[in-house]
Amino acid sequence: QAQLVEESGGGLVQAGESLRLSCAAAASIFSTNSVDWYRQAPGKQREWVAIVSVSGFSNYADSVKGRFTISRDNAKNTVYLQMNSLKPEDTAVYYCLVRNYWGRGTQVTVSS
């Protein structure tokens, strides 16, 4: 089955550094849907991180507000999550959700 949503950009960084995640989606599902980022840390439930609407309206979980910025490039069918001032507690697998399609996730590890 074709993967309709794909995340990239994860990696290992030190506390205080930045990363930018990308979520590329099939055009058929991207253009008319909002896009959410979620994350799941080891041993914890998946938690919602941020959302961007078709028009660009965004909202964030309190835990990342002021540090993370979500944006979308409709011409590229891609959503970005700019993560600044990263903390060890941001360590998780980050997933993208478009309509009811999940990507496979990208690992973000923040060392102290």
C-alpha atoms as a PDB file:
ATOM      1  CA  GLN A   1       0.000   0.000   0.000  1.00  0.00           C
ATOM      2  CA  ALA A   2       1.379   3.379  -0.934  1.00  0.00           C
ATOM      3  CA  GLN A   3       2.488   5.601   1.935  1.00  0.00           C
ATOM      4  CA  LEU A   4       0.402   8.743   1.711  1.00  0.00           C
ATOM      5  CA  VAL A   5       2.112  10.601   4.552  1.00  0.00           C
ATOM      6  CA  GLU A   6       5.840  10.642   5.259  1.00  0.00           C
ATOM      7  CA  GLU A   7       7.772  12.399   7.985  1.00  0.00           C
ATOM      8  CA  SER A   8      11.455  13.330   7.879  1.00  0.00           C
ATOM      9  CA  GLY A   9      14.002  15.537   9.598  1.00  0.00           C
ATOM     10  CA  GLY A  10      14.403  13.849  12.951  1.00  0.00           C
ATOM     11  CA  GLY A  11      17.762  13.340  14.603  1.00  0.00           C
ATOM     12  CA  LEU A  12      19.904  13.624  17.701  1.00  0.00           C
ATOM     13  CA  VAL A  13      20.530  17.109  19.088  1.00  0.00           C
ATOM     14  CA  GLN A  14      21.587  18.681  22.354  1.00  0.00           C
ATOM     15  CA  ALA A  15      19.254  20.586  24.632  1.00  0.00           C
ATOM     16  CA  GLY A  16      18.715  24.130  23.391  1.00  0.00           C
ATOM     17  CA  GLU A  17      19.279  23.271  19.751  1.00  0.00           C
ATOM     18  CA  SER A  18      16.769  23.234  16.900  1.00  0.00           C
ATOM     19  CA  LEU A  19      15.347  20.809  14.364  1.00  0.00           C
ATOM     20  CA  ARG A  20      12.887  21.164  11.516  1.00  0.00           C
ATOM     21  CA  LEU A  21      10.599  18.255  10.754  1.00  0.00           C
ATOM     22  CA  SER A  22       8.831  17.830   7.436  1.00  0.00           C
ATOM     23  CA  CYS A  23       5.603  16.038   6.638  1.00  0.00           C
ATOM     24  CA  ALA A  24       5.012  15.335   2.962  1.00  0.00           C
ATOM     25  CA  ALA A  25       1.583  14.105   1.935  1.00  0.00           C
ATOM     26  CA  ALA A  26      -0.146  13.011  -1.226  1.00  0.00           C
ATOM     27  CA  ALA A  27      -1.820  15.888  -3.004  1.00  0.00           C
ATOM     28  CA  SER A  28      -5.136  14.049  -2.952  1.00  0.00           C
ATOM     29  CA  ILE A  29      -5.387  14.329   0.831  1.00  0.00           C
ATOM     30  CA  PHE A  30      -3.274  17.392   1.584  1.00  0.00           C
ATOM     31  CA  SER A  31      -4.955  20.340  -0.072  1.00  0.00           C
ATOM     32  CA  THR A  32      -8.311  20.125   1.673  1.00  0.00           C
ATOM     33  CA  ASN A  33      -7.275  18.953   5.129  1.00  0.00           C
ATOM     34  CA  SER A  34      -5.698  20.331   8.241  1.00  0.00           C
ATOM     35  CA  VAL A  35      -2.517  18.613   9.382  1.00  0.00           C
ATOM     36  CA  ASP A  36      -1.594  17.604  12.907  1.00  0.00           C
ATOM     37  CA  TRP A  37       1.700  16.669  14.516  1.00  0.00           C
ATOM     38  CA  TYR A  38       1.691  14.165  17.363  1.00  0.00           C
ATOM     39  CA  ARG A  39       4.502  12.627  19.353  1.00  0.00           C
ATOM     40  CA  GLN A  40       4.993   9.497  21.423  1.00  0.00           C
ATOM     41  CA  ALA A  41       7.710   9.107  24.005  1.00  0.00           C
ATOM     42  CA  PRO A  42       8.817   5.661  25.211  1.00  0.00           C
ATOM     43  CA  GLY A  43       6.262   4.195  27.602  1.00  0.00           C
ATOM     44  CA  LYS A  44       3.818   7.061  27.107  1.00  0.00           C
ATOM     45  CA  GLN A  45       0.666   7.625  25.123  1.00  0.00           C
ATOM     46  CA  ARG A  46       0.748   9.492  21.853  1.00  0.00           C
ATOM     47  CA  GLU A  47       0.092  13.185  22.484  1.00  0.00           C
ATOM     48  CA  TRP A  48      -1.025  15.977  20.214  1.00  0.00           C
ATOM     49  CA  VAL A  49       1.561  18.679  19.492  1.00  0.00           C
ATOM     50  CA  ALA A  50       0.234  21.130  16.915  1.00  0.00           C
ATOM     51  CA  ILE A  51      -2.215  21.699  14.077  1.00  0.00           C
ATOM     52  CA  VAL A  52      -2.277  23.855  10.964  1.00  0.00           C
ATOM     53  CA  SER A  53      -5.477  24.414   9.021  1.00  0.00           C
ATOM     54  CA  VAL A  54      -5.835  24.721   5.270  1.00  0.00           C
ATOM     55  CA  SER A  55      -5.839  28.491   5.635  1.00  0.00           C
ATOM     56  CA  GLY A  56      -2.771  28.479   7.861  1.00  0.00           C
ATOM     57  CA  PHE A  57      -4.390  28.869  11.275  1.00  0.00           C
ATOM     58  CA  SER A  58      -2.250  27.137  13.881  1.00  0.00           C
ATOM     59  CA  ASN A  59      -2.559  25.966  17.456  1.00  0.00           C
ATOM     60  CA  TYR A  60      -0.179  24.286  19.871  1.00  0.00           C
ATOM     61  CA  ALA A  61      -0.015  22.146  22.968  1.00  0.00           C
ATOM     62  CA  ASP A  62       0.961  24.175  26.027  1.00  0.00           C
ATOM     63  CA  SER A  63       4.149  22.139  26.362  1.00  0.00           C
ATOM     64  CA  VAL A  64       5.534  23.435  23.048  1.00  0.00           C
ATOM     65  CA  LYS A  65       3.880  26.842  22.733  1.00  0.00           C
ATOM     66  CA  GLY A  66       6.461  29.550  22.094  1.00  0.00           C
ATOM     67  CA  ARG A  67       9.131  27.026  21.040  1.00  0.00           C
ATOM     68  CA  PHE A  68       7.573  25.171  18.102  1.00  0.00           C
ATOM     69  CA  THR A  69       6.151  26.664  14.912  1.00  0.00           C
ATOM     70  CA  ILE A  70       3.997  24.773  12.432  1.00  0.00           C
ATOM     71  CA  SER A  71       3.628  25.939   8.853  1.00  0.00           C
ATOM     72  CA  ARG A  72       2.501  24.572   5.518  1.00  0.00           C
ATOM     73  CA  ASP A  73       3.593  24.945   1.927  1.00  0.00           C
ATOM     74  CA  ASN A  74       0.568  24.061  -0.159  1.00  0.00           C
ATOM     75  CA  ALA A  75       2.571  24.131  -3.393  1.00  0.00           C
ATOM     76  CA  LYS A  76       4.790  21.343  -2.038  1.00  0.00           C
ATOM     77  CA  ASN A  77       2.070  19.447  -0.130  1.00  0.00           C
ATOM     78  CA  THR A  78       4.311  19.696   2.893  1.00  0.00           C
ATOM     79  CA  VAL A  79       3.943  20.790   6.495  1.00  0.00           C
ATOM     80  CA  TYR A  80       6.889  21.797   8.644  1.00  0.00           C
ATOM     81  CA  LEU A  81       7.431  21.757  12.373  1.00  0.00           C
ATOM     82  CA  GLN A  82      10.212  24.101  13.421  1.00  0.00           C
ATOM     83  CA  MET A  83      11.356  23.091  16.895  1.00  0.00           C
ATOM     84  CA  ASN A  84      13.540  25.523  18.818  1.00  0.00           C
ATOM     85  CA  SER A  85      14.956  25.445  22.348  1.00  0.00           C
ATOM     86  CA  LEU A  86      14.576  21.690  22.430  1.00  0.00           C
ATOM     87  CA  LYS A  87      14.435  19.951  25.798  1.00  0.00           C
ATOM     88  CA  PRO A  88      15.159  16.327  26.739  1.00  0.00           C
ATOM     89  CA  GLU A  89      11.431  15.886  27.391  1.00  0.00           C
ATOM     90  CA  ASP A  90      10.805  16.581  23.698  1.00  0.00           C
ATOM     91  CA  THR A  91      12.420  13.224  22.924  1.00  0.00           C
ATOM     92  CA  ALA A  92       9.841  11.131  21.070  1.00  0.00           C
ATOM     93  CA  VAL A  93       8.802   9.711  17.758  1.00  0.00           C
ATOM     94  CA  TYR A  94       6.974  12.475  15.901  1.00  0.00           C
ATOM     95  CA  TYR A  95       4.036  11.574  13.675  1.00  0.00           C
ATOM     96  CA  CYS A  96       2.022  13.473  11.121  1.00  0.00           C
ATOM     97  CA  LEU A  97      -1.728  13.002  10.664  1.00  0.00           C
ATOM     98  CA  VAL A  98      -3.544  14.079   7.514  1.00  0.00           C
ATOM     99  CA  ARG A  99      -7.240  13.274   7.527  1.00  0.00           C
ATOM    100  CA  ASN A 100      -7.091   9.733   8.919  1.00  0.00           C
ATOM    101  CA  TYR A 101      -3.695   8.824   7.486  1.00  0.00           C
ATOM    102  CA  TRP A 102      -0.642   8.508   9.722  1.00  0.00           C
ATOM    103  CA  GLY A 103       2.967   8.518   8.696  1.00  0.00           C
ATOM    104  CA  ARG A 104       5.523   6.088  10.119  1.00  0.00           C
ATOM    105  CA  GLY A 105       7.137   8.729  12.284  1.00  0.00           C
ATOM    106  CA  THR A 106      10.570  10.282  12.698  1.00  0.00           C
ATOM    107  CA  GLN A 107      12.692   9.953  15.829  1.00  0.00           C
ATOM    108  CA  VAL A 108      13.758  13.063  17.724  1.00  0.00           C
ATOM    109  CA  THR A 109      16.252  12.615  20.528  1.00  0.00           C
ATOM    110  CA  VAL A 110      17.371  15.523  22.705  1.00  0.00           C
ATOM    111  CA  SER A 111      20.330  14.940  24.974  1.00  0.00           C
ATOM    112  CA  SER A 112      20.915  16.954  28.141  1.00  0.00           C
END
